[in-house]
């Protein structure tokens, strides 16, 4: 099977095109399991959600209002899924 790889979602007026039918506020990406990395000032950083899960709750202090792009690994078009279902 052909893996399309991560999607690069541009932040436009504080929102990202999460699925074909839905744009969401970029703040929701902070808690989404699909949010792998974010781009701030041209630098890729671990997303707060992914860092929280993988580093024993050591999250970077990222101002989501400054995020330019979200690197998303949702290749099935599921959309937002909260990390709380994983960490609880």
PDB file of N, CA and C in Angstrom:
ATOM      1  N   UNK A   1       0.845  -1.181   0.000  1.00  0.00           N
ATOM      2  CA  UNK A   1       0.000   0.000   0.000  1.00  0.00           C
ATOM      3  C   UNK A   1       0.888   1.241   0.000  1.00  0.00           C
ATOM      4  N   UNK A   2       0.435   2.280  -0.643  1.00  0.00           N
ATOM      5  CA  UNK A   2       1.186   3.515  -0.759  1.00  0.00           C
ATOM      6  C   UNK A   2       0.900   4.427   0.418  1.00  0.00           C
ATOM      7  N   UNK A   3       1.912   4.733   1.224  1.00  0.00           N
ATOM      8  CA  UNK A   3       1.734   5.623   2.372  1.00  0.00           C
ATOM      9  C   UNK A   3       1.940   7.058   1.902  1.00  0.00           C
ATOM     10  N   UNK A   4       0.897   7.899   1.971  1.00  0.00           N
ATOM     11  CA  UNK A   4       1.035   9.270   1.495  1.00  0.00           C
ATOM     12  C   UNK A   4       1.912  10.151   2.377  1.00  0.00           C
ATOM     13  N   UNK A   5       2.260   9.696   3.562  1.00  0.00           N
ATOM     14  CA  UNK A   5       3.086  10.490   4.471  1.00  0.00           C
ATOM     15  C   UNK A   5       2.282  11.550   5.184  1.00  0.00           C
ATOM     16  N   UNK A   6       2.945  12.333   6.021  1.00  0.00           N
ATOM     17  CA  UNK A   6       2.231  13.346   6.806  1.00  0.00           C
ATOM     18  C   UNK A   6       1.706  14.476   5.926  1.00  0.00           C
ATOM     19  N   UNK A   7       0.639  15.089   6.402  1.00  0.00           N
ATOM     20  CA  UNK A   7       0.076  16.247   5.714  1.00  0.00           C
ATOM     21  C   UNK A   7       0.634  17.514   6.361  1.00  0.00           C
ATOM     22  N   UNK A   8       0.910  18.497   5.556  1.00  0.00           N
ATOM     23  CA  UNK A   8       1.386  19.796   6.036  1.00  0.00           C
ATOM     24  C   UNK A   8       0.226  20.774   5.913  1.00  0.00           C
ATOM     25  N   UNK A   9      -0.332  21.136   7.069  1.00  0.00           N
ATOM     26  CA  UNK A   9      -1.525  21.977   7.103  1.00  0.00           C
ATOM     27  C   UNK A   9      -1.147  23.411   7.436  1.00  0.00           C
ATOM     28  N   UNK A  10      -1.326  24.296   6.485  1.00  0.00           N
ATOM     29  CA  UNK A  10      -1.027  25.708   6.701  1.00  0.00           C
ATOM     30  C   UNK A  10      -2.058  26.304   7.657  1.00  0.00           C
ATOM     31  N   UNK A  11      -1.587  27.171   8.526  1.00  0.00           N
ATOM     32  CA  UNK A  11      -2.483  27.893   9.429  1.00  0.00           C
ATOM     33  C   UNK A  11      -2.884  29.189   8.728  1.00  0.00           C
ATOM     34  N   UNK A  12      -4.194  29.344   8.552  1.00  0.00           N
ATOM     35  CA  UNK A  12      -4.733  30.534   7.888  1.00  0.00           C
ATOM     36  C   UNK A  12      -5.749  31.171   8.831  1.00  0.00           C
ATOM     37  N   UNK A  13      -5.437  32.377   9.275  1.00  0.00           N
ATOM     38  CA  UNK A  13      -6.298  33.107  10.222  1.00  0.00           C
ATOM     39  C   UNK A  13      -6.641  32.252  11.441  1.00  0.00           C
ATOM     40  N   UNK A  14      -5.636  31.536  11.949  1.00  0.00           N
ATOM     41  CA  UNK A  14      -5.809  30.767  13.177  1.00  0.00           C
ATOM     42  C   UNK A  14      -6.500  29.429  13.013  1.00  0.00           C
ATOM     43  N   UNK A  15      -6.700  28.979  11.761  1.00  0.00           N
ATOM     44  CA  UNK A  15      -7.417  27.727  11.521  1.00  0.00           C
ATOM     45  C   UNK A  15      -6.626  26.842  10.559  1.00  0.00           C
ATOM     46  N   UNK A  16      -6.857  25.524  10.650  1.00  0.00           N
ATOM     47  CA  UNK A  16      -6.255  24.567   9.722  1.00  0.00           C
ATOM     48  C   UNK A  16      -7.361  23.740   9.066  1.00  0.00           C
ATOM     49  N   UNK A  17      -7.087  23.261   7.860  1.00  0.00           N
ATOM     50  CA  UNK A  17      -8.032  22.406   7.139  1.00  0.00           C
ATOM     51  C   UNK A  17      -7.828  20.979   7.641  1.00  0.00           C
ATOM     52  N   UNK A  18      -8.552  20.624   8.690  1.00  0.00           N
ATOM     53  CA  UNK A  18      -8.390  19.339   9.372  1.00  0.00           C
ATOM     54  C   UNK A  18      -8.843  18.171   8.490  1.00  0.00           C
ATOM     55  N   UNK A  19     -10.026  18.286   7.920  1.00  0.00           N
ATOM     56  CA  UNK A  19     -10.542  17.295   6.983  1.00  0.00           C
ATOM     57  C   UNK A  19     -11.009  18.040   5.739  1.00  0.00           C
ATOM     58  N   UNK A  20     -11.432  17.308   4.743  1.00  0.00           N
ATOM     59  CA  UNK A  20     -11.916  17.965   3.526  1.00  0.00           C
ATOM     60  C   UNK A  20     -13.084  18.906   3.803  1.00  0.00           C
ATOM     61  N   UNK A  21     -13.883  18.561   4.815  1.00  0.00           N
ATOM     62  CA  UNK A  21     -15.094  19.332   5.108  1.00  0.00           C
ATOM     63  C   UNK A  21     -14.994  20.259   6.303  1.00  0.00           C
ATOM     64  N   UNK A  22     -13.883  20.230   7.019  1.00  0.00           N
ATOM     65  CA  UNK A  22     -13.844  20.957   8.285  1.00  0.00           C
ATOM     66  C   UNK A  22     -12.525  21.685   8.505  1.00  0.00           C
ATOM     67  N   UNK A  23     -12.644  22.970   8.847  1.00  0.00           N
ATOM     68  CA  UNK A  23     -11.493  23.702   9.354  1.00  0.00           C
ATOM     69  C   UNK A  23     -11.697  23.849  10.853  1.00  0.00           C
ATOM     70  N   UNK A  24     -10.587  23.784  11.584  1.00  0.00           N
ATOM     71  CA  UNK A  24     -10.684  23.891  13.042  1.00  0.00           C
ATOM     72  C   UNK A  24      -9.679  24.914  13.542  1.00  0.00           C
ATOM     73  N   UNK A  25      -9.904  25.463  14.727  1.00  0.00           N
ATOM     74  CA  UNK A  25      -8.914  26.364  15.324  1.00  0.00           C
ATOM     75  C   UNK A  25      -7.620  25.595  15.590  1.00  0.00           C
ATOM     76  N   UNK A  26      -6.506  26.218  15.312  1.00  0.00           N
ATOM     77  CA  UNK A  26      -5.213  25.563  15.498  1.00  0.00           C
ATOM     78  C   UNK A  26      -4.986  25.159  16.958  1.00  0.00           C
ATOM     79  N   UNK A  27      -5.640  25.823  17.896  1.00  0.00           N
ATOM     80  CA  UNK A  27      -5.517  25.455  19.308  1.00  0.00           C
ATOM     81  C   UNK A  27      -5.926  24.012  19.573  1.00  0.00           C
ATOM     82  N   UNK A  28      -6.869  23.484  18.804  1.00  0.00           N
ATOM     83  CA  UNK A  28      -7.297  22.094  19.001  1.00  0.00           C
ATOM     84  C   UNK A  28      -6.171  21.111  18.672  1.00  0.00           C
ATOM     85  N   UNK A  29      -5.256  21.498  17.808  1.00  0.00           N
ATOM     86  CA  UNK A  29      -4.134  20.625  17.447  1.00  0.00           C
ATOM     87  C   UNK A  29      -3.245  20.346  18.659  1.00  0.00           C
ATOM     88  N   UNK A  30      -3.277  21.223  19.630  1.00  0.00           N
ATOM     89  CA  UNK A  30      -2.492  21.044  20.860  1.00  0.00           C
ATOM     90  C   UNK A  30      -2.847  19.734  21.558  1.00  0.00           C
ATOM     91  N   UNK A  31      -4.084  19.256  21.385  1.00  0.00           N
ATOM     92  CA  UNK A  31      -4.551  18.052  22.069  1.00  0.00           C
ATOM     93  C   UNK A  31      -4.903  16.909  21.118  1.00  0.00           C
ATOM     94  N   UNK A  32      -4.477  16.971  19.866  1.00  0.00           N
ATOM     95  CA  UNK A  32      -4.861  15.962  18.881  1.00  0.00           C
ATOM     96  C   UNK A  32      -3.762  14.914  18.697  1.00  0.00           C
ATOM     97  N   UNK A  33      -4.162  13.643  18.689  1.00  0.00           N
ATOM     98  CA  UNK A  33      -3.187  12.553  18.520  1.00  0.00           C
ATOM     99  C   UNK A  33      -2.505  12.598  17.158  1.00  0.00           C
ATOM    100  N   UNK A  34      -3.128  13.201  16.173  1.00  0.00           N
ATOM    101  CA  UNK A  34      -2.560  13.243  14.828  1.00  0.00           C
ATOM    102  C   UNK A  34      -1.544  14.365  14.634  1.00  0.00           C
ATOM    103  N   UNK A  35      -1.526  15.316  15.535  1.00  0.00           N
ATOM    104  CA  UNK A  35      -0.608  16.444  15.431  1.00  0.00           C
ATOM    105  C   UNK A  35       0.798  15.978  15.811  1.00  0.00           C
ATOM    106  N   UNK A  36       1.647  15.797  14.820  1.00  0.00           N
ATOM    107  CA  UNK A  36       2.986  15.272  15.068  1.00  0.00           C
ATOM    108  C   UNK A  36       4.003  16.380  15.373  1.00  0.00           C
ATOM    109  N   UNK A  37       3.983  17.430  14.565  1.00  0.00           N
ATOM    110  CA  UNK A  37       4.936  18.529  14.730  1.00  0.00           C
ATOM    111  C   UNK A  37       4.237  19.833  14.361  1.00  0.00           C
ATOM    112  N   UNK A  38       4.806  20.933  14.805  1.00  0.00           N
ATOM    113  CA  UNK A  38       4.325  22.259  14.427  1.00  0.00           C
ATOM    114  C   UNK A  38       5.516  23.068  13.940  1.00  0.00           C
ATOM    115  N   UNK A  39       5.231  24.046  13.108  1.00  0.00           N
ATOM    116  CA  UNK A  39       6.279  24.930  12.591  1.00  0.00           C
ATOM    117  C   UNK A  39       6.046  26.320  13.170  1.00  0.00           C
ATOM    118  N   UNK A  40       7.067  26.828  13.845  1.00  0.00           N
ATOM    119  CA  UNK A  40       7.031  28.165  14.436  1.00  0.00           C
ATOM    120  C   UNK A  40       8.318  28.866  14.034  1.00  0.00           C
ATOM    121  N   UNK A  41       8.197  30.015  13.396  1.00  0.00           N
ATOM    122  CA  UNK A  41       9.384  30.747  12.972  1.00  0.00           C
ATOM    123  C   UNK A  41      10.266  29.941  12.027  1.00  0.00           C
ATOM    124  N   UNK A  42       9.634  29.094  11.209  1.00  0.00           N
ATOM    125  CA  UNK A  42      10.377  28.280  10.257  1.00  0.00           C
ATOM    126  C   UNK A  42      11.021  27.029  10.850  1.00  0.00           C
ATOM    127  N   UNK A  43      10.885  26.827  12.162  1.00  0.00           N
ATOM    128  CA  UNK A  43      11.482  25.659  12.835  1.00  0.00           C
ATOM    129  C   UNK A  43      10.412  24.636  13.174  1.00  0.00           C
ATOM    130  N   UNK A  44      10.716  23.365  12.902  1.00  0.00           N
ATOM    131  CA  UNK A  44       9.819  22.280  13.284  1.00  0.00           C
ATOM    132  C   UNK A  44      10.060  21.918  14.745  1.00  0.00           C
ATOM    133  N   UNK A  45       8.978  21.835  15.490  1.00  0.00           N
ATOM    134  CA  UNK A  45       9.026  21.472  16.903  1.00  0.00           C
ATOM    135  C   UNK A  45       8.031  20.346  17.151  1.00  0.00           C
ATOM    136  N   UNK A  46       8.256  19.521  18.186  1.00  0.00           N
ATOM    137  CA  UNK A  46       7.246  18.509  18.505  1.00  0.00           C
ATOM    138  C   UNK A  46       5.945  19.194  18.887  1.00  0.00           C
ATOM    139  N   UNK A  47       4.846  18.639  18.437  1.00  0.00           N
ATOM    140  CA  UNK A  47       3.565  19.232  18.825  1.00  0.00           C
ATOM    141  C   UNK A  47       3.372  19.021  20.317  1.00  0.00           C
ATOM    142  N   UNK A  48       2.640  19.897  20.968  1.00  0.00           N
ATOM    143  CA  UNK A  48       2.395  19.710  22.405  1.00  0.00           C
ATOM    144  C   UNK A  48       1.761  18.355  22.709  1.00  0.00           C
ATOM    145  N   UNK A  49       0.849  17.889  21.866  1.00  0.00           N
ATOM    146  CA  UNK A  49       0.193  16.596  22.112  1.00  0.00           C
ATOM    147  C   UNK A  49       1.194  15.456  22.048  1.00  0.00           C
ATOM    148  N   UNK A  50       2.011  15.418  21.027  1.00  0.00           N
ATOM    149  CA  UNK A  50       2.972  14.327  20.844  1.00  0.00           C
ATOM    150  C   UNK A  50       4.053  14.374  21.910  1.00  0.00           C
ATOM    151  N   UNK A  51       4.507  15.566  22.255  1.00  0.00           N
ATOM    152  CA  UNK A  51       5.531  15.695  23.302  1.00  0.00           C
ATOM    153  C   UNK A  51       4.972  15.235  24.643  1.00  0.00           C
ATOM    154  N   UNK A  52       3.733  15.563  24.904  1.00  0.00           N
ATOM    155  CA  UNK A  52       3.096  15.174  26.163  1.00  0.00           C
ATOM    156  C   UNK A  52       3.058  13.660  26.299  1.00  0.00           C
ATOM    157  N   UNK A  53       2.696  12.975  25.229  1.00  0.00           N
ATOM    158  CA  UNK A  53       2.587  11.509  25.259  1.00  0.00           C
ATOM    159  C   UNK A  53       3.948  10.831  25.326  1.00  0.00           C
ATOM    160  N   UNK A  54       4.942  11.375  24.633  1.00  0.00           N
ATOM    161  CA  UNK A  54       6.207  10.664  24.499  1.00  0.00           C
ATOM    162  C   UNK A  54       7.280  11.058  25.509  1.00  0.00           C
ATOM    163  N   UNK A  55       7.109  12.154  26.192  1.00  0.00           N
ATOM    164  CA  UNK A  55       8.155  12.620  27.106  1.00  0.00           C
ATOM    165  C   UNK A  55       7.667  12.726  28.536  1.00  0.00           C
ATOM    166  N   UNK A  56       6.809  11.831  28.915  1.00  0.00           N
ATOM    167  CA  UNK A  56       6.321  11.820  30.303  1.00  0.00           C
ATOM    168  C   UNK A  56       5.802  13.179  30.729  1.00  0.00           C
ATOM    169  N   UNK A  57       4.990  13.755  29.882  1.00  0.00           N
ATOM    170  CA  UNK A  57       4.303  15.007  30.172  1.00  0.00           C
ATOM    171  C   UNK A  57       5.223  16.226  30.197  1.00  0.00           C
ATOM    172  N   UNK A  58       6.377  16.130  29.552  1.00  0.00           N
ATOM    173  CA  UNK A  58       7.281  17.263  29.416  1.00  0.00           C
ATOM    174  C   UNK A  58       6.949  17.967  28.104  1.00  0.00           C
ATOM    175  N   UNK A  59       6.092  18.961  28.167  1.00  0.00           N
ATOM    176  CA  UNK A  59       5.634  19.618  26.954  1.00  0.00           C
ATOM    177  C   UNK A  59       6.372  20.926  26.730  1.00  0.00           C
ATOM    178  N   UNK A  60       6.677  21.213  25.464  1.00  0.00           N
ATOM    179  CA  UNK A  60       7.297  22.503  25.169  1.00  0.00           C
ATOM    180  C   UNK A  60       6.259  23.606  25.321  1.00  0.00           C
ATOM    181  N   UNK A  61       6.706  24.786  25.657  1.00  0.00           N
ATOM    182  CA  UNK A  61       5.805  25.926  25.783  1.00  0.00           C
ATOM    183  C   UNK A  61       5.663  26.558  24.407  1.00  0.00           C
ATOM    184  N   UNK A  62       4.654  26.134  23.672  1.00  0.00           N
ATOM    185  CA  UNK A  62       4.435  26.629  22.314  1.00  0.00           C
ATOM    186  C   UNK A  62       3.206  27.520  22.310  1.00  0.00           C
ATOM    187  N   UNK A  63       3.396  28.731  21.814  1.00  0.00           N
ATOM    188  CA  UNK A  63       2.283  29.657  21.639  1.00  0.00           C
ATOM    189  C   UNK A  63       1.598  29.275  20.329  1.00  0.00           C
ATOM    190  N   UNK A  64       0.448  28.624  20.422  1.00  0.00           N
ATOM    191  CA  UNK A  64      -0.241  28.120  19.233  1.00  0.00           C
ATOM    192  C   UNK A  64      -0.649  29.254  18.297  1.00  0.00           C
ATOM    193  N   UNK A  65      -0.736  30.474  18.784  1.00  0.00           N
ATOM    194  CA  UNK A  65      -1.057  31.618  17.932  1.00  0.00           C
ATOM    195  C   UNK A  65       0.091  31.927  16.965  1.00  0.00           C
ATOM    196  N   UNK A  66       1.298  31.434  17.264  1.00  0.00           N
ATOM    197  CA  UNK A  66       2.455  31.673  16.401  1.00  0.00           C
ATOM    198  C   UNK A  66       2.747  30.518  15.454  1.00  0.00           C
ATOM    199  N   UNK A  67       1.965  29.452  15.547  1.00  0.00           N
ATOM    200  CA  UNK A  67       2.181  28.290  14.686  1.00  0.00           C
ATOM    201  C   UNK A  67       1.803  28.642  13.249  1.00  0.00           C
ATOM    202  N   UNK A  68       2.723  28.329  12.325  1.00  0.00           N
ATOM    203  CA  UNK A  68       2.532  28.624  10.907  1.00  0.00           C
ATOM    204  C   UNK A  68       1.997  27.421  10.144  1.00  0.00           C
ATOM    205  N   UNK A  69       2.329  26.231  10.637  1.00  0.00           N
ATOM    206  CA  UNK A  69       1.957  25.002   9.938  1.00  0.00           C
ATOM    207  C   UNK A  69       1.895  23.864  10.948  1.00  0.00           C
ATOM    208  N   UNK A  70       0.972  22.931  10.731  1.00  0.00           N
ATOM    209  CA  UNK A  70       0.867  21.737  11.560  1.00  0.00           C
ATOM    210  C   UNK A  70       1.182  20.544  10.672  1.00  0.00           C
ATOM    211  N   UNK A  71       2.083  19.694  11.135  1.00  0.00           N
ATOM    212  CA  UNK A  71       2.406  18.474  10.412  1.00  0.00           C
ATOM    213  C   UNK A  71       1.577  17.368  11.048  1.00  0.00           C
ATOM    214  N   UNK A  72       0.655  16.845  10.264  1.00  0.00           N
ATOM    215  CA  UNK A  72      -0.404  15.977  10.748  1.00  0.00           C
ATOM    216  C   UNK A  72      -0.249  14.581  10.140  1.00  0.00           C
ATOM    217  N   UNK A  73      -0.331  13.541  10.974  1.00  0.00           N
ATOM    218  CA  UNK A  73      -0.199  12.184  10.436  1.00  0.00           C
ATOM    219  C   UNK A  73      -1.543  11.490  10.228  1.00  0.00           C
ATOM    220  N   UNK A  74      -2.616  12.260  10.152  1.00  0.00           N
ATOM    221  CA  UNK A  74      -3.951  11.704   9.887  1.00  0.00           C
ATOM    222  C   UNK A  74      -4.099  11.478   8.381  1.00  0.00           C
ATOM    223  N   UNK A  75      -3.747  10.288   7.924  1.00  0.00           N
ATOM    224  CA  UNK A  75      -3.827   9.986   6.495  1.00  0.00           C
ATOM    225  C   UNK A  75      -5.160   9.359   6.114  1.00  0.00           C
ATOM    226  N   UNK A  76      -6.002   9.049   7.096  1.00  0.00           N
ATOM    227  CA  UNK A  76      -7.308   8.424   6.820  1.00  0.00           C
ATOM    228  C   UNK A  76      -8.455   9.424   6.813  1.00  0.00           C
ATOM    229  N   UNK A  77      -8.187  10.663   7.165  1.00  0.00           N
ATOM    230  CA  UNK A  77      -9.240  11.673   7.187  1.00  0.00           C
ATOM    231  C   UNK A  77     -10.155  11.578   8.390  1.00  0.00           C
ATOM    232  N   UNK A  78      -9.631  11.019   9.485  1.00  0.00           N
ATOM    233  CA  UNK A  78     -10.424  10.881  10.716  1.00  0.00           C
ATOM    234  C   UNK A  78     -10.757  12.230  11.335  1.00  0.00           C
ATOM    235  N   UNK A  79      -9.837  13.154  11.267  1.00  0.00           N
ATOM    236  CA  UNK A  79     -10.030  14.450  11.900  1.00  0.00           C
ATOM    237  C   UNK A  79      -9.544  14.438  13.338  1.00  0.00           C
ATOM    238  N   UNK A  80      -9.952  15.440  14.076  1.00  0.00           N
ATOM    239  CA  UNK A  80      -9.497  15.620  15.453  1.00  0.00           C
ATOM    240  C   UNK A  80      -9.848  14.412  16.321  1.00  0.00           C
ATOM    241  N   UNK A  81      -8.834  13.923  17.051  1.00  0.00           N
ATOM    242  CA  UNK A  81      -9.050  12.887  18.082  1.00  0.00           C
ATOM    243  C   UNK A  81      -8.194  13.286  19.279  1.00  0.00           C
ATOM    244  N   UNK A  82      -8.818  13.445  20.403  1.00  0.00           N
ATOM    245  CA  UNK A  82      -8.167  13.959  21.601  1.00  0.00           C
ATOM    246  C   UNK A  82      -7.186  12.941  22.190  1.00  0.00           C
ATOM    247  N   UNK A  83      -6.055  13.449  22.713  1.00  0.00           N
ATOM    248  CA  UNK A  83      -5.098  12.569  23.389  1.00  0.00           C
ATOM    249  C   UNK A  83      -5.628  12.090  24.726  1.00  0.00           C
ATOM    250  N   UNK A  84      -6.681  12.708  25.229  1.00  0.00           N
ATOM    251  CA  UNK A  84      -7.192  12.301  26.555  1.00  0.00           C
ATOM    252  C   UNK A  84      -7.694  10.862  26.546  1.00  0.00           C
ATOM    253  N   UNK A  85      -8.100  10.367  25.398  1.00  0.00           N
ATOM    254  CA  UNK A  85      -8.536   8.966  25.326  1.00  0.00           C
ATOM    255  C   UNK A  85      -7.354   8.007  25.453  1.00  0.00           C
ATOM    256  N   UNK A  86      -6.161   8.498  25.185  1.00  0.00           N
ATOM    257  CA  UNK A  86      -4.957   7.671  25.255  1.00  0.00           C
ATOM    258  C   UNK A  86      -4.301   7.758  26.640  1.00  0.00           C
ATOM    259  N   UNK A  87      -4.266   8.966  27.200  1.00  0.00           N
ATOM    260  CA  UNK A  87      -3.510   9.162  28.443  1.00  0.00           C
ATOM    261  C   UNK A  87      -4.328   8.947  29.706  1.00  0.00           C
ATOM    262  N   UNK A  88      -5.645   8.791  29.580  1.00  0.00           N
ATOM    263  CA  UNK A  88      -6.461   8.638  30.783  1.00  0.00           C
ATOM    264  C   UNK A  88      -6.551   7.200  31.238  1.00  0.00           C
TER     265      UNK A  88
END
